[in-house]
Amino acid sequence: MEIPHTDMPRPHETSTLAQLRAVTSAAHRDLEQQVDAIGGFADPRRRQDLIRRFAAFQLPAEAVLKPHLLAIPDLDWERRNRADLFPPSSRSYRLPSFPAPANVAEALGVLYVLEGSTLGGRIIIRTLRKAGVDCAALAFLDPYGSDAGNRWRDFLMVLERETHSEALRADACKGAVSAFAQATRVLCGALA
């Protein structure tokens, strides 16, 4: 299942969000084509490996983002962490390092990718449940449940406030591009 993407800014989007969507649209589309999340999570033979890969992306990202984002007003960093939602078995492997952002704006660009994945995660969970797949081990895909829309809007408010200049928006875009490159390496490449 593919989620529609566009390079064109939407009328309600902030300038930062429009730029982030534009610079990551192709990478997002490519990643979705390479990672068959619905098929992988539905297949018992592929599920554990895919959960492990999602953990190998998410957990190191959270670790490098925390110093930059913990004190950001209105972000509520602690509630955005998903580490406790992954099954313990997914953390029993050596996790790859995640490229550290240089500043808050870059960190917010990375977080844009992580938070955006929660919207796609809701669609994945909904599709799997309709197919009768047990989703108990997949809570990390939909960490906010019915509050996902509110959490996304709260994030966008902080993102716009913290990236109020062209230079900061450029840094956010750099972080988002870096996050998609890392996601592609971890979700599609070889893991130790």
N, C-alpha and C. Protein backbone atom coordinates (compact mmCIF):
# COMPACT_ATOMS: atom_id res chain seq x y z
N MET A 1 0.84 -1.17 0.00
CA MET A 1 0.00 0.00 0.00
C MET A 1 0.88 1.23 0.00
N GLU A 2 0.63 2.13 -0.91
CA GLU A 2 1.45 3.32 -1.03
C GLU A 2 0.68 4.52 -0.51
N ILE A 3 1.36 5.38 0.22
CA ILE A 3 0.77 6.61 0.72
C ILE A 3 1.12 7.70 -0.28
N PRO A 4 0.11 8.48 -0.75
CA PRO A 4 0.39 9.48 -1.78
C PRO A 4 1.35 10.56 -1.30
N HIS A 5 2.23 10.97 -2.20
CA HIS A 5 3.20 12.03 -1.92
C HIS A 5 3.12 13.05 -3.02
N THR A 6 3.53 14.25 -2.72
CA THR A 6 3.59 15.28 -3.73
C THR A 6 4.74 16.22 -3.43
N ASP A 7 5.34 16.75 -4.47
CA ASP A 7 6.40 17.74 -4.30
C ASP A 7 5.81 19.14 -4.16
N MET A 8 4.54 19.28 -4.42
CA MET A 8 3.90 20.59 -4.37
C MET A 8 3.44 20.91 -2.95
N PRO A 9 3.77 22.14 -2.46
CA PRO A 9 3.29 22.51 -1.13
C PRO A 9 1.76 22.55 -1.11
N ARG A 10 1.19 22.14 -0.01
CA ARG A 10 -0.25 22.21 0.16
C ARG A 10 -0.60 23.55 0.77
N PRO A 11 -1.78 24.09 0.49
CA PRO A 11 -2.11 25.45 0.93
C PRO A 11 -1.98 25.66 2.44
N HIS A 12 -2.26 24.65 3.26
CA HIS A 12 -2.23 24.82 4.71
C HIS A 12 -0.85 24.57 5.33
N GLU A 13 0.14 24.22 4.51
CA GLU A 13 1.44 23.84 5.05
C GLU A 13 2.29 25.06 5.40
N THR A 14 3.07 24.91 6.43
CA THR A 14 4.04 25.92 6.80
C THR A 14 5.17 25.91 5.79
N SER A 15 5.94 26.95 5.78
CA SER A 15 7.05 26.98 4.83
C SER A 15 8.06 25.87 5.12
N THR A 16 8.31 25.58 6.41
CA THR A 16 9.24 24.50 6.73
C THR A 16 8.69 23.16 6.28
N LEU A 17 7.43 22.90 6.58
CA LEU A 17 6.84 21.63 6.18
C LEU A 17 6.85 21.47 4.67
N ALA A 18 6.52 22.51 3.94
CA ALA A 18 6.53 22.45 2.48
C ALA A 18 7.93 22.11 1.96
N GLN A 19 8.94 22.75 2.54
CA GLN A 19 10.31 22.47 2.11
C GLN A 19 10.72 21.04 2.46
N LEU A 20 10.36 20.59 3.65
CA LEU A 20 10.70 19.22 4.06
C LEU A 20 10.04 18.20 3.13
N ARG A 21 8.78 18.40 2.83
CA ARG A 21 8.09 17.48 1.91
C ARG A 21 8.76 17.47 0.54
N ALA A 22 9.12 18.66 0.06
CA ALA A 22 9.72 18.76 -1.28
C ALA A 22 11.06 18.04 -1.34
N VAL A 23 11.91 18.23 -0.33
CA VAL A 23 13.26 17.65 -0.41
C VAL A 23 13.28 16.16 -0.08
N THR A 24 12.22 15.64 0.56
CA THR A 24 12.23 14.22 0.93
C THR A 24 11.24 13.38 0.14
N SER A 25 10.45 13.98 -0.69
CA SER A 25 9.39 13.25 -1.39
C SER A 25 9.91 12.03 -2.15
N ALA A 26 10.96 12.22 -2.94
CA ALA A 26 11.48 11.10 -3.74
C ALA A 26 12.05 10.01 -2.83
N ALA A 27 12.79 10.40 -1.80
CA ALA A 27 13.37 9.41 -0.89
C ALA A 27 12.27 8.65 -0.15
N HIS A 28 11.21 9.35 0.23
CA HIS A 28 10.09 8.71 0.92
C HIS A 28 9.42 7.69 0.01
N ARG A 29 9.15 8.10 -1.20
CA ARG A 29 8.52 7.20 -2.18
C ARG A 29 9.40 5.98 -2.45
N ASP A 30 10.71 6.22 -2.64
CA ASP A 30 11.64 5.11 -2.89
C ASP A 30 11.68 4.13 -1.72
N LEU A 31 11.72 4.67 -0.51
CA LEU A 31 11.78 3.81 0.68
C LEU A 31 10.52 2.95 0.79
N GLU A 32 9.37 3.55 0.56
CA GLU A 32 8.13 2.77 0.63
C GLU A 32 8.08 1.67 -0.43
N GLN A 33 8.66 1.95 -1.59
CA GLN A 33 8.69 0.92 -2.63
C GLN A 33 9.65 -0.21 -2.28
N GLN A 34 10.73 0.09 -1.57
CA GLN A 34 11.71 -0.93 -1.22
C GLN A 34 11.30 -1.75 0.00
N VAL A 35 10.59 -1.13 0.92
CA VAL A 35 10.20 -1.81 2.16
C VAL A 35 8.72 -2.15 2.07
N ASP A 36 8.43 -3.40 1.95
CA ASP A 36 7.04 -3.84 1.93
C ASP A 36 6.60 -4.07 3.38
N ALA A 37 6.27 -2.97 4.05
CA ALA A 37 5.96 -3.06 5.48
C ALA A 37 4.74 -3.93 5.74
N ILE A 38 3.71 -3.76 4.97
CA ILE A 38 2.49 -4.54 5.21
C ILE A 38 2.76 -6.02 4.96
N GLY A 39 3.38 -6.34 3.85
CA GLY A 39 3.70 -7.73 3.57
C GLY A 39 4.70 -8.31 4.56
N GLY A 40 5.69 -7.52 4.95
CA GLY A 40 6.70 -7.99 5.88
C GLY A 40 6.16 -8.25 7.27
N PHE A 41 5.30 -7.36 7.76
CA PHE A 41 4.73 -7.56 9.10
C PHE A 41 3.66 -8.65 9.10
N ALA A 42 3.03 -8.88 7.96
CA ALA A 42 2.01 -9.92 7.87
C ALA A 42 2.62 -11.32 7.76
N ASP A 43 3.83 -11.40 7.25
CA ASP A 43 4.49 -12.69 7.03
C ASP A 43 5.28 -13.10 8.28
N PRO A 44 4.87 -14.17 8.95
CA PRO A 44 5.57 -14.58 10.18
C PRO A 44 7.07 -14.83 9.98
N ARG A 45 7.47 -15.22 8.76
CA ARG A 45 8.89 -15.49 8.50
C ARG A 45 9.71 -14.21 8.37
N ARG A 46 9.07 -13.11 8.02
CA ARG A 46 9.79 -11.84 7.81
C ARG A 46 9.55 -10.83 8.93
N ARG A 47 8.55 -11.07 9.75
CA ARG A 47 8.13 -10.09 10.75
C ARG A 47 9.25 -9.71 11.72
N GLN A 48 9.91 -10.69 12.33
CA GLN A 48 10.94 -10.38 13.34
C GLN A 48 12.07 -9.56 12.76
N ASP A 49 12.51 -9.90 11.56
CA ASP A 49 13.59 -9.14 10.94
C ASP A 49 13.15 -7.69 10.70
N LEU A 50 11.93 -7.49 10.26
CA LEU A 50 11.45 -6.14 9.98
C LEU A 50 11.28 -5.34 11.28
N ILE A 51 10.79 -5.97 12.33
CA ILE A 51 10.70 -5.30 13.63
C ILE A 51 12.10 -4.89 14.08
N ARG A 52 13.04 -5.80 13.95
CA ARG A 52 14.43 -5.52 14.33
C ARG A 52 14.98 -4.33 13.54
N ARG A 53 14.68 -4.26 12.27
CA ARG A 53 15.16 -3.16 11.43
C ARG A 53 14.53 -1.83 11.84
N PHE A 54 13.24 -1.85 12.14
CA PHE A 54 12.60 -0.62 12.60
C PHE A 54 13.22 -0.16 13.92
N ALA A 55 13.49 -1.09 14.82
CA ALA A 55 14.15 -0.75 16.08
C ALA A 55 15.56 -0.22 15.83
N ALA A 56 16.27 -0.80 14.89
CA ALA A 56 17.63 -0.38 14.58
C ALA A 56 17.68 1.01 13.96
N PHE A 57 16.58 1.46 13.42
CA PHE A 57 16.48 2.83 12.94
C PHE A 57 16.02 3.76 14.06
N GLN A 58 14.93 3.42 14.71
CA GLN A 58 14.28 4.29 15.69
C GLN A 58 15.12 4.51 16.95
N LEU A 59 15.63 3.45 17.56
CA LEU A 59 16.28 3.58 18.86
C LEU A 59 17.56 4.43 18.81
N PRO A 60 18.46 4.21 17.84
CA PRO A 60 19.63 5.09 17.77
C PRO A 60 19.25 6.54 17.43
N ALA A 61 18.20 6.72 16.63
CA ALA A 61 17.75 8.07 16.31
C ALA A 61 17.30 8.79 17.58
N GLU A 62 16.51 8.12 18.39
CA GLU A 62 16.06 8.74 19.64
C GLU A 62 17.23 9.12 20.53
N ALA A 63 18.25 8.28 20.56
CA ALA A 63 19.41 8.54 21.42
C ALA A 63 20.16 9.81 20.98
N VAL A 64 20.33 10.01 19.67
CA VAL A 64 21.06 11.20 19.22
C VAL A 64 20.19 12.45 19.24
N LEU A 65 18.88 12.29 19.18
CA LEU A 65 17.99 13.45 19.20
C LEU A 65 17.76 14.01 20.60
N LYS A 66 17.78 13.15 21.59
CA LYS A 66 17.43 13.57 22.95
C LYS A 66 18.19 14.80 23.43
N PRO A 67 19.51 14.88 23.30
CA PRO A 67 20.21 16.06 23.81
C PRO A 67 19.76 17.37 23.13
N HIS A 68 19.35 17.27 21.88
CA HIS A 68 18.92 18.46 21.14
C HIS A 68 17.47 18.84 21.43
N LEU A 69 16.63 17.86 21.72
CA LEU A 69 15.19 18.12 21.75
C LEU A 69 14.54 18.03 23.12
N LEU A 70 15.23 17.51 24.09
CA LEU A 70 14.63 17.29 25.41
C LEU A 70 14.02 18.55 26.01
N ALA A 71 14.70 19.67 25.88
CA ALA A 71 14.24 20.91 26.53
C ALA A 71 13.42 21.84 25.63
N ILE A 72 13.08 21.40 24.44
CA ILE A 72 12.32 22.27 23.53
C ILE A 72 10.90 22.44 24.08
N PRO A 73 10.48 23.68 24.34
CA PRO A 73 9.13 23.91 24.87
C PRO A 73 8.05 23.37 23.93
N ASP A 74 7.05 22.77 24.51
CA ASP A 74 5.85 22.26 23.81
C ASP A 74 6.10 21.02 22.95
N LEU A 75 7.32 20.52 22.91
CA LEU A 75 7.59 19.34 22.09
C LEU A 75 7.19 18.07 22.82
N ASP A 76 7.32 18.06 24.13
CA ASP A 76 6.97 16.89 24.94
C ASP A 76 7.78 15.67 24.48
N TRP A 77 9.11 15.86 24.47
CA TRP A 77 10.02 14.84 23.95
C TRP A 77 9.80 13.46 24.56
N GLU A 78 9.65 13.40 25.85
CA GLU A 78 9.54 12.09 26.52
C GLU A 78 8.35 11.28 26.00
N ARG A 79 7.25 11.93 25.67
CA ARG A 79 6.09 11.20 25.15
C ARG A 79 6.26 10.79 23.69
N ARG A 80 7.27 11.31 23.04
CA ARG A 80 7.49 10.97 21.63
C ARG A 80 8.42 9.77 21.46
N ASN A 81 9.02 9.32 22.53
CA ASN A 81 9.91 8.17 22.46
C ASN A 81 9.12 6.87 22.30
N ARG A 82 9.67 5.99 21.48
CA ARG A 82 9.00 4.71 21.23
C ARG A 82 9.80 3.52 21.73
N ALA A 83 10.92 3.76 22.38
CA ALA A 83 11.82 2.66 22.78
C ALA A 83 11.08 1.57 23.55
N ASP A 84 10.22 1.94 24.47
CA ASP A 84 9.52 0.94 25.29
C ASP A 84 8.44 0.18 24.52
N LEU A 85 8.14 0.62 23.31
CA LEU A 85 7.09 -0.03 22.52
C LEU A 85 7.62 -1.17 21.66
N PHE A 86 8.94 -1.28 21.55
CA PHE A 86 9.53 -2.36 20.77
C PHE A 86 9.66 -3.61 21.64
N PRO A 87 9.40 -4.76 21.06
CA PRO A 87 9.59 -6.00 21.83
C PRO A 87 11.06 -6.10 22.28
N PRO A 88 11.32 -6.63 23.48
CA PRO A 88 12.70 -6.75 23.97
C PRO A 88 13.61 -7.50 22.99
N SER A 89 13.09 -8.47 22.29
CA SER A 89 13.93 -9.24 21.36
C SER A 89 14.50 -8.37 20.23
N SER A 90 13.83 -7.26 19.90
CA SER A 90 14.31 -6.40 18.81
C SER A 90 15.51 -5.58 19.22
N ARG A 91 15.78 -5.53 20.52
CA ARG A 91 16.90 -4.73 21.03
C ARG A 91 18.09 -5.58 21.42
N SER A 92 18.04 -6.86 21.13
CA SER A 92 19.11 -7.76 21.55
C SER A 92 20.26 -7.83 20.54
N TYR A 93 20.25 -6.97 19.56
CA TYR A 93 21.28 -6.94 18.54
C TYR A 93 22.09 -5.65 18.68
N ARG A 94 23.25 -5.65 18.09
CA ARG A 94 24.06 -4.42 18.04
C ARG A 94 23.35 -3.43 17.12
N LEU A 95 23.06 -2.26 17.66
CA LEU A 95 22.35 -1.24 16.88
C LEU A 95 23.35 -0.37 16.14
N PRO A 96 23.05 -0.02 14.88
CA PRO A 96 23.97 0.84 14.13
C PRO A 96 23.94 2.26 14.70
N SER A 97 25.01 2.99 14.49
CA SER A 97 25.03 4.38 14.93
C SER A 97 24.15 5.21 13.99
N PHE A 98 23.66 6.31 14.50
CA PHE A 98 22.81 7.21 13.73
C PHE A 98 23.57 8.52 13.57
N PRO A 99 23.58 9.11 12.37
CA PRO A 99 24.31 10.37 12.19
C PRO A 99 23.76 11.45 13.13
N ALA A 100 24.61 12.01 13.96
CA ALA A 100 24.18 13.01 14.94
C ALA A 100 23.89 14.34 14.26
N PRO A 101 22.75 14.94 14.57
CA PRO A 101 22.45 16.26 14.02
C PRO A 101 23.37 17.31 14.64
N ALA A 102 23.65 18.36 13.89
CA ALA A 102 24.55 19.40 14.35
C ALA A 102 23.87 20.41 15.27
N ASN A 103 22.55 20.54 15.16
CA ASN A 103 21.85 21.55 15.94
C ASN A 103 20.37 21.17 16.08
N VAL A 104 19.61 22.01 16.74
CA VAL A 104 18.19 21.74 16.99
C VAL A 104 17.41 21.64 15.69
N ALA A 105 17.67 22.52 14.75
CA ALA A 105 16.92 22.50 13.48
C ALA A 105 17.15 21.18 12.73
N GLU A 106 18.40 20.73 12.68
CA GLU A 106 18.68 19.43 12.04
C GLU A 106 17.96 18.31 12.78
N ALA A 107 17.99 18.38 14.10
CA ALA A 107 17.31 17.36 14.91
C ALA A 107 15.81 17.35 14.63
N LEU A 108 15.22 18.52 14.46
CA LEU A 108 13.80 18.59 14.13
C LEU A 108 13.52 18.02 12.74
N GLY A 109 14.46 18.17 11.83
CA GLY A 109 14.31 17.55 10.51
C GLY A 109 14.30 16.03 10.61
N VAL A 110 15.15 15.48 11.46
CA VAL A 110 15.15 14.04 11.69
C VAL A 110 13.82 13.63 12.34
N LEU A 111 13.40 14.41 13.32
CA LEU A 111 12.15 14.09 14.01
C LEU A 111 10.95 14.17 13.07
N TYR A 112 11.01 15.04 12.08
CA TYR A 112 9.95 15.10 11.06
C TYR A 112 9.77 13.73 10.41
N VAL A 113 10.87 13.06 10.12
CA VAL A 113 10.80 11.73 9.51
C VAL A 113 10.21 10.72 10.50
N LEU A 114 10.66 10.76 11.74
CA LEU A 114 10.16 9.82 12.75
C LEU A 114 8.68 10.05 13.03
N GLU A 115 8.30 11.30 13.22
CA GLU A 115 6.90 11.61 13.52
C GLU A 115 6.01 11.31 12.31
N GLY A 116 6.50 11.59 11.13
CA GLY A 116 5.73 11.27 9.92
C GLY A 116 5.49 9.78 9.79
N SER A 117 6.44 8.99 10.27
CA SER A 117 6.26 7.54 10.18
C SER A 117 5.11 7.05 11.06
N THR A 118 4.75 7.82 12.08
CA THR A 118 3.61 7.40 12.91
C THR A 118 2.31 7.51 12.14
N LEU A 119 2.23 8.46 11.21
CA LEU A 119 1.02 8.59 10.39
C LEU A 119 0.90 7.39 9.45
N GLY A 120 2.02 7.04 8.81
CA GLY A 120 2.04 5.84 7.96
C GLY A 120 1.84 4.58 8.77
N GLY A 121 2.37 4.56 9.98
CA GLY A 121 2.21 3.40 10.86
C GLY A 121 0.75 3.11 11.18
N ARG A 122 -0.04 4.17 11.35
CA ARG A 122 -1.48 3.99 11.60
C ARG A 122 -2.14 3.27 10.43
N ILE A 123 -1.75 3.64 9.23
CA ILE A 123 -2.32 3.01 8.03
C ILE A 123 -1.89 1.55 7.96
N ILE A 124 -0.63 1.28 8.25
CA ILE A 124 -0.13 -0.10 8.24
C ILE A 124 -0.89 -0.95 9.25
N ILE A 125 -1.02 -0.46 10.48
CA ILE A 125 -1.73 -1.21 11.53
C ILE A 125 -3.18 -1.46 11.11
N ARG A 126 -3.84 -0.43 10.63
CA ARG A 126 -5.25 -0.58 10.22
C ARG A 126 -5.38 -1.64 9.12
N THR A 127 -4.47 -1.62 8.15
CA THR A 127 -4.52 -2.59 7.06
C THR A 127 -4.25 -4.00 7.56
N LEU A 128 -3.27 -4.15 8.45
CA LEU A 128 -2.96 -5.47 8.99
C LEU A 128 -4.12 -6.02 9.82
N ARG A 129 -4.73 -5.18 10.63
CA ARG A 129 -5.86 -5.64 11.45
C ARG A 129 -7.02 -6.09 10.57
N LYS A 130 -7.29 -5.37 9.49
CA LYS A 130 -8.36 -5.77 8.57
C LYS A 130 -8.08 -7.13 7.95
N ALA A 131 -6.79 -7.45 7.80
CA ALA A 131 -6.39 -8.74 7.23
C ALA A 131 -6.31 -9.83 8.30
N GLY A 132 -6.63 -9.48 9.56
CA GLY A 132 -6.62 -10.45 10.64
C GLY A 132 -5.25 -10.72 11.24
N VAL A 133 -4.29 -9.83 11.02
CA VAL A 133 -2.94 -10.02 11.54
C VAL A 133 -2.88 -9.53 12.99
N ASP A 134 -2.26 -10.31 13.85
CA ASP A 134 -2.05 -9.91 15.24
C ASP A 134 -1.01 -8.79 15.27
N CYS A 135 -1.38 -7.65 15.84
CA CYS A 135 -0.50 -6.48 15.84
C CYS A 135 0.07 -6.16 17.22
N ALA A 136 0.00 -7.10 18.14
CA ALA A 136 0.44 -6.84 19.52
C ALA A 136 1.90 -6.40 19.58
N ALA A 137 2.77 -6.94 18.75
CA ALA A 137 4.20 -6.59 18.79
C ALA A 137 4.53 -5.36 17.96
N LEU A 138 3.50 -4.71 17.42
CA LEU A 138 3.74 -3.60 16.50
C LEU A 138 3.29 -2.25 17.05
N ALA A 139 3.19 -2.12 18.36
CA ALA A 139 2.73 -0.87 18.97
C ALA A 139 3.60 0.32 18.58
N PHE A 140 4.87 0.09 18.27
CA PHE A 140 5.76 1.17 17.88
C PHE A 140 5.33 1.87 16.60
N LEU A 141 4.52 1.20 15.78
CA LEU A 141 4.05 1.81 14.54
C LEU A 141 2.98 2.87 14.79
N ASP A 142 2.23 2.72 15.85
CA ASP A 142 1.12 3.62 16.13
C ASP A 142 1.16 4.04 17.61
N PRO A 143 2.19 4.80 18.00
CA PRO A 143 2.40 5.08 19.41
C PRO A 143 1.35 6.00 20.04
N TYR A 144 0.66 6.79 19.22
CA TYR A 144 -0.27 7.78 19.77
C TYR A 144 -1.74 7.38 19.64
N GLY A 145 -2.01 6.33 18.90
CA GLY A 145 -3.40 5.92 18.71
C GLY A 145 -4.23 7.06 18.15
N SER A 146 -5.41 7.25 18.70
CA SER A 146 -6.33 8.26 18.18
C SER A 146 -5.83 9.69 18.38
N ASP A 147 -4.76 9.87 19.14
CA ASP A 147 -4.20 11.20 19.36
C ASP A 147 -3.13 11.57 18.31
N ALA A 148 -2.95 10.72 17.31
CA ALA A 148 -1.89 10.93 16.31
C ALA A 148 -2.01 12.28 15.61
N GLY A 149 -3.20 12.65 15.21
CA GLY A 149 -3.39 13.91 14.51
C GLY A 149 -3.01 15.10 15.38
N ASN A 150 -3.41 15.08 16.64
CA ASN A 150 -3.05 16.17 17.55
C ASN A 150 -1.55 16.23 17.78
N ARG A 151 -0.92 15.07 17.94
CA ARG A 151 0.53 15.04 18.17
C ARG A 151 1.27 15.58 16.93
N TRP A 152 0.79 15.25 15.74
CA TRP A 152 1.40 15.74 14.51
C TRP A 152 1.27 17.27 14.43
N ARG A 153 0.09 17.79 14.70
CA ARG A 153 -0.10 19.24 14.67
C ARG A 153 0.76 19.94 15.72
N ASP A 154 0.88 19.37 16.90
CA ASP A 154 1.74 19.95 17.94
C ASP A 154 3.19 19.99 17.46
N PHE A 155 3.63 18.89 16.84
CA PHE A 155 4.99 18.86 16.31
C PHE A 155 5.19 19.94 15.26
N LEU A 156 4.23 20.09 14.34
CA LEU A 156 4.36 21.09 13.28
C LEU A 156 4.45 22.51 13.84
N MET A 157 3.72 22.78 14.91
CA MET A 157 3.79 24.09 15.55
C MET A 157 5.20 24.35 16.07
N VAL A 158 5.78 23.37 16.75
CA VAL A 158 7.14 23.51 17.27
C VAL A 158 8.14 23.62 16.11
N LEU A 159 7.97 22.80 15.11
CA LEU A 159 8.86 22.82 13.95
C LEU A 159 8.91 24.20 13.33
N GLU A 160 7.76 24.80 13.08
CA GLU A 160 7.71 26.13 12.45
C GLU A 160 8.33 27.19 13.36
N ARG A 161 8.01 27.12 14.63
CA ARG A 161 8.55 28.11 15.57
C ARG A 161 10.07 28.04 15.66
N GLU A 162 10.61 26.81 15.68
CA GLU A 162 12.05 26.63 15.86
C GLU A 162 12.86 26.75 14.57
N THR A 163 12.19 26.80 13.43
CA THR A 163 12.88 26.93 12.15
C THR A 163 12.36 28.17 11.42
N HIS A 164 12.45 29.29 12.07
CA HIS A 164 11.85 30.54 11.60
C HIS A 164 12.67 31.29 10.57
N SER A 165 13.85 30.82 10.25
CA SER A 165 14.67 31.50 9.23
C SER A 165 15.00 30.52 8.11
N GLU A 166 15.42 31.05 7.00
CA GLU A 166 15.78 30.21 5.86
C GLU A 166 16.94 29.28 6.21
N ALA A 167 17.91 29.78 6.97
CA ALA A 167 19.06 28.95 7.36
C ALA A 167 18.61 27.79 8.24
N LEU A 168 17.70 28.05 9.17
CA LEU A 168 17.22 26.97 10.04
C LEU A 168 16.37 25.97 9.26
N ARG A 169 15.58 26.47 8.31
CA ARG A 169 14.79 25.55 7.46
C ARG A 169 15.73 24.67 6.63
N ALA A 170 16.83 25.26 6.15
CA ALA A 170 17.81 24.47 5.39
C ALA A 170 18.42 23.39 6.27
N ASP A 171 18.70 23.72 7.54
CA ASP A 171 19.24 22.72 8.46
C ASP A 171 18.22 21.60 8.72
N ALA A 172 16.96 21.98 8.87
CA ALA A 172 15.91 20.97 9.07
C ALA A 172 15.85 20.04 7.86
N CYS A 173 15.95 20.60 6.68
CA CYS A 173 15.93 19.78 5.47
C CYS A 173 17.13 18.83 5.43
N LYS A 174 18.28 19.34 5.85
CA LYS A 174 19.48 18.49 5.90
C LYS A 174 19.26 17.31 6.84
N GLY A 175 18.66 17.56 8.00
CA GLY A 175 18.37 16.49 8.95
C GLY A 175 17.40 15.47 8.40
N ALA A 176 16.36 15.94 7.72
CA ALA A 176 15.37 15.02 7.16
C ALA A 176 15.96 14.15 6.05
N VAL A 177 16.76 14.75 5.19
CA VAL A 177 17.41 13.99 4.12
C VAL A 177 18.35 12.94 4.72
N SER A 178 19.09 13.33 5.74
CA SER A 178 19.98 12.39 6.42
C SER A 178 19.20 11.24 7.05
N ALA A 179 18.04 11.56 7.65
CA ALA A 179 17.22 10.51 8.28
C ALA A 179 16.69 9.53 7.25
N PHE A 180 16.24 10.02 6.10
CA PHE A 180 15.76 9.09 5.07
C PHE A 180 16.90 8.23 4.53
N ALA A 181 18.09 8.80 4.39
CA ALA A 181 19.24 8.01 3.94
C ALA A 181 19.55 6.91 4.95
N GLN A 182 19.50 7.25 6.24
CA GLN A 182 19.75 6.25 7.27
C GLN A 182 18.65 5.19 7.29
N ALA A 183 17.41 5.62 7.13
CA ALA A 183 16.30 4.66 7.09
C ALA A 183 16.48 3.67 5.94
N THR A 184 16.91 4.16 4.81
CA THR A 184 17.13 3.28 3.66
C THR A 184 18.25 2.29 3.95
N ARG A 185 19.34 2.77 4.55
CA ARG A 185 20.46 1.87 4.89
C ARG A 185 20.02 0.79 5.85
N VAL A 186 19.28 1.19 6.90
CA VAL A 186 18.93 0.25 7.96
C VAL A 186 17.78 -0.67 7.55
N LEU A 187 16.76 -0.13 6.92
CA LEU A 187 15.59 -0.94 6.58
C LEU A 187 15.82 -1.82 5.35
N CYS A 188 16.75 -1.40 4.48
CA CYS A 188 16.95 -2.15 3.23
C CYS A 188 18.31 -2.83 3.11
N GLY A 189 19.27 -2.43 3.94
CA GLY A 189 20.62 -2.97 3.81
C GLY A 189 20.89 -4.13 4.75
N ALA A 190 22.14 -4.49 4.83
CA ALA A 190 22.55 -5.60 5.70
C ALA A 190 22.68 -5.09 7.14
N LEU A 191 22.24 -5.89 8.09
CA LEU A 191 22.40 -5.56 9.50
C LEU A 191 23.36 -6.55 10.12
N ALA A 192 24.15 -6.07 11.10
CA ALA A 192 25.10 -6.94 11.80
C ALA A 192 24.36 -7.95 12.67
